[in-house]
Amino acid sequence: MIAVALAFLAAGCSEPRSAAPGEAERGRLLLQQYGCGACHAIPGVPGANGNVGPPLDGVARRVYLGGVLANTPENMARFIRAPQRADPLTAMPDLGVEPGHARDMTAYLYGMR
């Protein structure tokens, strides 16, 4: 319990984390191209109003990604690329996202305020 509380405090949950490496505007377009909005509500992405997965506004302030990974830009990019490696039971599909695309998508998601 103490470890969870410390992780929460260390994650700086009151403020979004600093920007992730990558090109955020390209990431916004890629989130639309890969169809992420079919499952997630994503501010700034046209048509991204899905309610299958969690809404992605404020994702940079969350402690965990997919309930299992510490929320860092590196882990987010990994989760976007291969979600079943983090959690074999996740409903998130493997969309074949390239490494550079995952970095750009992460940059957009981390840059949302």
N, C-alpha and C. Protein backbone atom coordinates (compact mmCIF):
# COMPACT_ATOMS: atom_id res chain seq x y z
N MET A 1 0.82 -1.19 0.00
CA MET A 1 0.00 0.00 0.00
C MET A 1 0.86 1.25 0.00
N ILE A 2 1.92 1.25 0.79
CA ILE A 2 2.82 2.40 0.84
C ILE A 2 3.50 2.59 -0.51
N ALA A 3 3.90 1.49 -1.14
CA ALA A 3 4.56 1.59 -2.45
C ALA A 3 3.64 2.21 -3.49
N VAL A 4 2.37 1.88 -3.45
CA VAL A 4 1.40 2.46 -4.39
C VAL A 4 1.26 3.95 -4.13
N ALA A 5 1.18 4.35 -2.87
CA ALA A 5 1.06 5.76 -2.53
C ALA A 5 2.29 6.53 -2.96
N LEU A 6 3.47 5.96 -2.75
CA LEU A 6 4.70 6.62 -3.18
C LEU A 6 4.76 6.74 -4.69
N ALA A 7 4.34 5.71 -5.41
CA ALA A 7 4.32 5.77 -6.87
C ALA A 7 3.37 6.86 -7.34
N PHE A 8 2.24 6.99 -6.66
CA PHE A 8 1.26 8.02 -7.00
C PHE A 8 1.87 9.41 -6.81
N LEU A 9 2.53 9.62 -5.68
CA LEU A 9 3.14 10.92 -5.41
C LEU A 9 4.30 11.20 -6.36
N ALA A 10 5.12 10.20 -6.63
CA ALA A 10 6.26 10.37 -7.52
C ALA A 10 5.82 10.65 -8.95
N ALA A 11 4.64 10.17 -9.32
CA ALA A 11 4.16 10.35 -10.68
C ALA A 11 3.68 11.77 -10.94
N GLY A 12 3.57 12.58 -9.91
CA GLY A 12 3.14 13.96 -10.10
C GLY A 12 1.75 14.05 -10.69
N CYS A 13 0.81 13.40 -10.08
CA CYS A 13 -0.52 13.26 -10.65
C CYS A 13 -1.30 14.56 -10.75
N SER A 14 -0.88 15.59 -10.05
CA SER A 14 -1.64 16.84 -10.14
C SER A 14 -1.32 17.61 -11.41
N GLU A 15 -0.20 17.37 -12.01
CA GLU A 15 0.19 18.08 -13.23
C GLU A 15 0.59 17.07 -14.30
N PRO A 16 0.31 17.37 -15.57
CA PRO A 16 0.76 16.46 -16.63
C PRO A 16 2.28 16.38 -16.66
N ARG A 17 2.79 15.26 -17.07
CA ARG A 17 4.22 15.08 -17.20
C ARG A 17 4.75 15.94 -18.34
N SER A 18 6.06 16.10 -18.38
CA SER A 18 6.66 16.90 -19.45
C SER A 18 6.43 16.23 -20.80
N ALA A 19 6.59 17.01 -21.82
CA ALA A 19 6.33 16.52 -23.17
C ALA A 19 7.23 15.33 -23.50
N ALA A 20 6.68 14.40 -24.23
CA ALA A 20 7.43 13.22 -24.67
C ALA A 20 8.13 13.55 -25.98
N PRO A 21 9.22 12.85 -26.27
CA PRO A 21 9.88 13.07 -27.57
C PRO A 21 8.96 12.63 -28.71
N GLY A 22 9.05 13.30 -29.83
CA GLY A 22 8.21 12.98 -30.97
C GLY A 22 7.54 14.25 -31.46
N GLU A 23 6.82 14.14 -32.55
CA GLU A 23 6.16 15.28 -33.16
C GLU A 23 4.66 15.19 -32.87
N ALA A 24 4.19 16.05 -31.97
CA ALA A 24 2.82 15.96 -31.46
C ALA A 24 1.77 16.14 -32.56
N GLU A 25 1.94 17.09 -33.45
CA GLU A 25 0.92 17.32 -34.48
C GLU A 25 0.81 16.10 -35.39
N ARG A 26 1.93 15.50 -35.73
CA ARG A 26 1.89 14.27 -36.53
C ARG A 26 1.21 13.16 -35.72
N GLY A 27 1.47 13.13 -34.42
CA GLY A 27 0.83 12.14 -33.56
C GLY A 27 -0.68 12.27 -33.56
N ARG A 28 -1.18 13.51 -33.54
CA ARG A 28 -2.63 13.74 -33.59
C ARG A 28 -3.22 13.16 -34.87
N LEU A 29 -2.54 13.39 -35.98
CA LEU A 29 -3.01 12.85 -37.26
C LEU A 29 -2.93 11.33 -37.29
N LEU A 30 -1.89 10.79 -36.69
CA LEU A 30 -1.73 9.33 -36.66
C LEU A 30 -2.79 8.67 -35.78
N LEU A 31 -3.17 9.31 -34.69
CA LEU A 31 -4.24 8.76 -33.85
C LEU A 31 -5.52 8.63 -34.66
N GLN A 32 -5.75 9.58 -35.53
CA GLN A 32 -6.92 9.51 -36.41
C GLN A 32 -6.71 8.44 -37.48
N GLN A 33 -5.54 8.40 -38.07
CA GLN A 33 -5.25 7.44 -39.15
C GLN A 33 -5.37 5.99 -38.67
N TYR A 34 -4.87 5.71 -37.48
CA TYR A 34 -4.93 4.34 -36.96
C TYR A 34 -6.31 3.99 -36.40
N GLY A 35 -7.21 4.95 -36.36
CA GLY A 35 -8.57 4.67 -35.89
C GLY A 35 -8.71 4.56 -34.39
N CYS A 36 -7.82 5.19 -33.65
CA CYS A 36 -7.86 5.08 -32.19
C CYS A 36 -9.16 5.62 -31.61
N GLY A 37 -9.76 6.59 -32.30
CA GLY A 37 -11.00 7.20 -31.84
C GLY A 37 -12.22 6.29 -31.93
N ALA A 38 -12.08 5.14 -32.58
CA ALA A 38 -13.19 4.19 -32.60
C ALA A 38 -13.42 3.61 -31.20
N CYS A 39 -12.36 3.58 -30.40
CA CYS A 39 -12.47 3.03 -29.05
C CYS A 39 -12.27 4.07 -27.95
N HIS A 40 -11.53 5.15 -28.26
CA HIS A 40 -11.20 6.15 -27.25
C HIS A 40 -11.74 7.52 -27.63
N ALA A 41 -12.15 8.29 -26.64
CA ALA A 41 -12.42 9.71 -26.83
C ALA A 41 -11.09 10.43 -26.69
N ILE A 42 -10.71 11.19 -27.72
CA ILE A 42 -9.43 11.88 -27.72
C ILE A 42 -9.65 13.33 -28.14
N PRO A 43 -9.49 14.27 -27.22
CA PRO A 43 -9.67 15.67 -27.58
C PRO A 43 -8.74 16.09 -28.72
N GLY A 44 -9.29 16.86 -29.65
CA GLY A 44 -8.50 17.38 -30.76
C GLY A 44 -8.38 16.44 -31.94
N VAL A 45 -8.90 15.23 -31.83
CA VAL A 45 -8.84 14.26 -32.93
C VAL A 45 -10.26 14.11 -33.48
N PRO A 46 -10.48 14.56 -34.72
CA PRO A 46 -11.82 14.48 -35.30
C PRO A 46 -12.38 13.05 -35.29
N GLY A 47 -13.61 12.93 -34.84
CA GLY A 47 -14.28 11.63 -34.83
C GLY A 47 -13.86 10.71 -33.70
N ALA A 48 -12.95 11.16 -32.83
CA ALA A 48 -12.47 10.31 -31.74
C ALA A 48 -13.40 10.45 -30.54
N ASN A 49 -14.48 9.68 -30.59
CA ASN A 49 -15.47 9.75 -29.51
C ASN A 49 -15.90 8.37 -29.05
N GLY A 50 -15.00 7.39 -29.20
CA GLY A 50 -15.32 6.03 -28.79
C GLY A 50 -15.44 5.90 -27.28
N ASN A 51 -16.16 4.87 -26.87
CA ASN A 51 -16.30 4.63 -25.43
C ASN A 51 -16.03 3.17 -25.05
N VAL A 52 -15.27 2.48 -25.88
CA VAL A 52 -14.87 1.11 -25.57
C VAL A 52 -13.70 1.13 -24.59
N GLY A 53 -12.67 1.91 -24.92
CA GLY A 53 -11.51 2.10 -24.05
C GLY A 53 -11.67 3.38 -23.26
N PRO A 54 -10.75 3.64 -22.35
CA PRO A 54 -10.86 4.86 -21.54
C PRO A 54 -10.65 6.11 -22.38
N PRO A 55 -11.27 7.22 -21.97
CA PRO A 55 -10.99 8.48 -22.65
C PRO A 55 -9.53 8.85 -22.40
N LEU A 56 -8.89 9.48 -23.38
CA LEU A 56 -7.46 9.73 -23.27
C LEU A 56 -7.13 11.16 -22.86
N ASP A 57 -8.13 11.97 -22.56
CA ASP A 57 -7.82 13.29 -22.01
C ASP A 57 -7.20 13.09 -20.64
N GLY A 58 -6.15 13.81 -20.35
CA GLY A 58 -5.48 13.68 -19.06
C GLY A 58 -4.68 12.42 -18.87
N VAL A 59 -4.42 11.67 -19.92
CA VAL A 59 -3.69 10.41 -19.78
C VAL A 59 -2.29 10.64 -19.20
N ALA A 60 -1.69 11.78 -19.44
CA ALA A 60 -0.35 12.06 -18.91
C ALA A 60 -0.34 12.15 -17.39
N ARG A 61 -1.49 12.40 -16.78
CA ARG A 61 -1.56 12.51 -15.31
C ARG A 61 -1.84 11.18 -14.63
N ARG A 62 -2.09 10.15 -15.39
CA ARG A 62 -2.42 8.85 -14.78
C ARG A 62 -1.16 8.16 -14.29
N VAL A 63 -1.31 7.36 -13.27
CA VAL A 63 -0.18 6.64 -12.69
C VAL A 63 0.19 5.43 -13.53
N TYR A 64 -0.83 4.72 -14.04
CA TYR A 64 -0.59 3.50 -14.81
C TYR A 64 -1.22 3.59 -16.20
N LEU A 65 -0.64 2.84 -17.09
CA LEU A 65 -1.17 2.66 -18.45
C LEU A 65 -1.72 1.25 -18.55
N GLY A 66 -2.95 1.14 -19.00
CA GLY A 66 -3.56 -0.18 -19.13
C GLY A 66 -3.65 -0.91 -17.81
N GLY A 67 -3.52 -0.18 -16.71
CA GLY A 67 -3.62 -0.78 -15.39
C GLY A 67 -2.40 -1.57 -14.96
N VAL A 68 -1.35 -1.61 -15.81
CA VAL A 68 -0.22 -2.48 -15.47
C VAL A 68 1.16 -1.85 -15.62
N LEU A 69 1.28 -0.80 -16.42
CA LEU A 69 2.59 -0.20 -16.67
C LEU A 69 2.70 1.17 -16.02
N ALA A 70 3.85 1.46 -15.43
CA ALA A 70 4.09 2.81 -14.94
C ALA A 70 3.96 3.77 -16.12
N ASN A 71 3.34 4.90 -15.88
CA ASN A 71 3.07 5.85 -16.96
C ASN A 71 4.31 6.69 -17.26
N THR A 72 5.05 6.27 -18.26
CA THR A 72 6.19 7.02 -18.79
C THR A 72 6.00 7.09 -20.30
N PRO A 73 6.62 8.08 -20.96
CA PRO A 73 6.51 8.12 -22.42
C PRO A 73 7.00 6.84 -23.09
N GLU A 74 8.07 6.27 -22.58
CA GLU A 74 8.60 5.04 -23.17
C GLU A 74 7.61 3.89 -23.05
N ASN A 75 7.00 3.75 -21.87
CA ASN A 75 6.02 2.68 -21.68
C ASN A 75 4.77 2.91 -22.51
N MET A 76 4.36 4.18 -22.65
CA MET A 76 3.19 4.45 -23.47
C MET A 76 3.45 4.05 -24.92
N ALA A 77 4.59 4.43 -25.45
CA ALA A 77 4.93 4.05 -26.83
C ALA A 77 4.97 2.53 -26.98
N ARG A 78 5.53 1.83 -25.99
CA ARG A 78 5.56 0.36 -26.02
C ARG A 78 4.14 -0.21 -26.00
N PHE A 79 3.29 0.35 -25.15
CA PHE A 79 1.93 -0.15 -25.04
C PHE A 79 1.16 0.09 -26.34
N ILE A 80 1.35 1.24 -26.95
CA ILE A 80 0.69 1.53 -28.22
C ILE A 80 1.13 0.53 -29.28
N ARG A 81 2.40 0.17 -29.30
CA ARG A 81 2.93 -0.75 -30.31
C ARG A 81 2.53 -2.20 -30.08
N ALA A 82 2.55 -2.65 -28.84
CA ALA A 82 2.30 -4.07 -28.55
C ALA A 82 1.57 -4.22 -27.22
N PRO A 83 0.29 -3.89 -27.18
CA PRO A 83 -0.43 -3.90 -25.90
C PRO A 83 -0.49 -5.27 -25.23
N GLN A 84 -0.53 -6.35 -26.00
CA GLN A 84 -0.62 -7.68 -25.40
C GLN A 84 0.67 -8.09 -24.69
N ARG A 85 1.78 -7.46 -25.02
CA ARG A 85 3.01 -7.76 -24.28
C ARG A 85 2.92 -7.24 -22.85
N ALA A 86 2.23 -6.12 -22.67
CA ALA A 86 2.06 -5.57 -21.32
C ALA A 86 0.97 -6.32 -20.56
N ASP A 87 -0.09 -6.65 -21.27
CA ASP A 87 -1.22 -7.34 -20.64
C ASP A 87 -1.87 -8.25 -21.68
N PRO A 88 -1.61 -9.55 -21.61
CA PRO A 88 -2.16 -10.47 -22.60
C PRO A 88 -3.69 -10.47 -22.68
N LEU A 89 -4.36 -9.97 -21.65
CA LEU A 89 -5.82 -9.97 -21.64
C LEU A 89 -6.43 -8.63 -22.05
N THR A 90 -5.60 -7.67 -22.44
CA THR A 90 -6.14 -6.37 -22.81
C THR A 90 -7.02 -6.48 -24.05
N ALA A 91 -8.02 -5.63 -24.10
CA ALA A 91 -8.90 -5.59 -25.28
C ALA A 91 -8.30 -4.71 -26.38
N MET A 92 -7.24 -3.98 -26.06
CA MET A 92 -6.64 -3.10 -27.07
C MET A 92 -5.95 -3.95 -28.13
N PRO A 93 -6.28 -3.71 -29.39
CA PRO A 93 -5.67 -4.52 -30.46
C PRO A 93 -4.27 -4.04 -30.81
N ASP A 94 -3.48 -4.95 -31.34
CA ASP A 94 -2.17 -4.61 -31.89
C ASP A 94 -2.43 -4.09 -33.29
N LEU A 95 -2.20 -2.81 -33.51
CA LEU A 95 -2.49 -2.18 -34.80
C LEU A 95 -1.27 -2.11 -35.72
N GLY A 96 -0.16 -2.69 -35.30
CA GLY A 96 1.04 -2.66 -36.13
C GLY A 96 1.65 -1.27 -36.22
N VAL A 97 1.58 -0.52 -35.13
CA VAL A 97 2.10 0.84 -35.11
C VAL A 97 3.63 0.80 -35.13
N GLU A 98 4.21 1.58 -36.03
CA GLU A 98 5.67 1.66 -36.15
C GLU A 98 6.24 2.44 -34.96
N PRO A 99 7.52 2.20 -34.60
CA PRO A 99 8.11 2.90 -33.45
C PRO A 99 8.03 4.42 -33.53
N GLY A 100 8.35 5.01 -34.66
CA GLY A 100 8.29 6.46 -34.79
C GLY A 100 6.89 6.99 -34.67
N HIS A 101 5.93 6.25 -35.20
CA HIS A 101 4.53 6.65 -35.08
C HIS A 101 4.09 6.61 -33.62
N ALA A 102 4.50 5.58 -32.89
CA ALA A 102 4.14 5.47 -31.48
C ALA A 102 4.73 6.63 -30.68
N ARG A 103 5.96 7.04 -31.00
CA ARG A 103 6.56 8.20 -30.31
C ARG A 103 5.76 9.47 -30.59
N ASP A 104 5.35 9.66 -31.84
CA ASP A 104 4.57 10.85 -32.19
C ASP A 104 3.20 10.83 -31.52
N MET A 105 2.55 9.69 -31.50
CA MET A 105 1.25 9.57 -30.83
C MET A 105 1.39 9.86 -29.34
N THR A 106 2.45 9.35 -28.74
CA THR A 106 2.73 9.59 -27.32
C THR A 106 2.97 11.08 -27.08
N ALA A 107 3.71 11.72 -27.97
CA ALA A 107 3.97 13.16 -27.82
C ALA A 107 2.67 13.94 -27.81
N TYR A 108 1.72 13.58 -28.67
CA TYR A 108 0.43 14.27 -28.67
C TYR A 108 -0.32 14.02 -27.37
N LEU A 109 -0.39 12.77 -26.97
CA LEU A 109 -1.15 12.43 -25.77
C LEU A 109 -0.54 13.06 -24.52
N TYR A 110 0.77 13.13 -24.44
CA TYR A 110 1.42 13.76 -23.30
C TYR A 110 1.32 15.27 -23.35
N GLY A 111 1.12 15.83 -24.52
CA GLY A 111 1.05 17.27 -24.66
C GLY A 111 -0.33 17.85 -24.40
N MET A 112 -1.34 17.02 -24.30
CA MET A 112 -2.70 17.52 -24.03
C MET A 112 -2.76 18.06 -22.61
N ARG A 113 -3.36 19.21 -22.45
CA ARG A 113 -3.49 19.80 -21.10
C ARG A 113 -4.91 19.81 -20.67
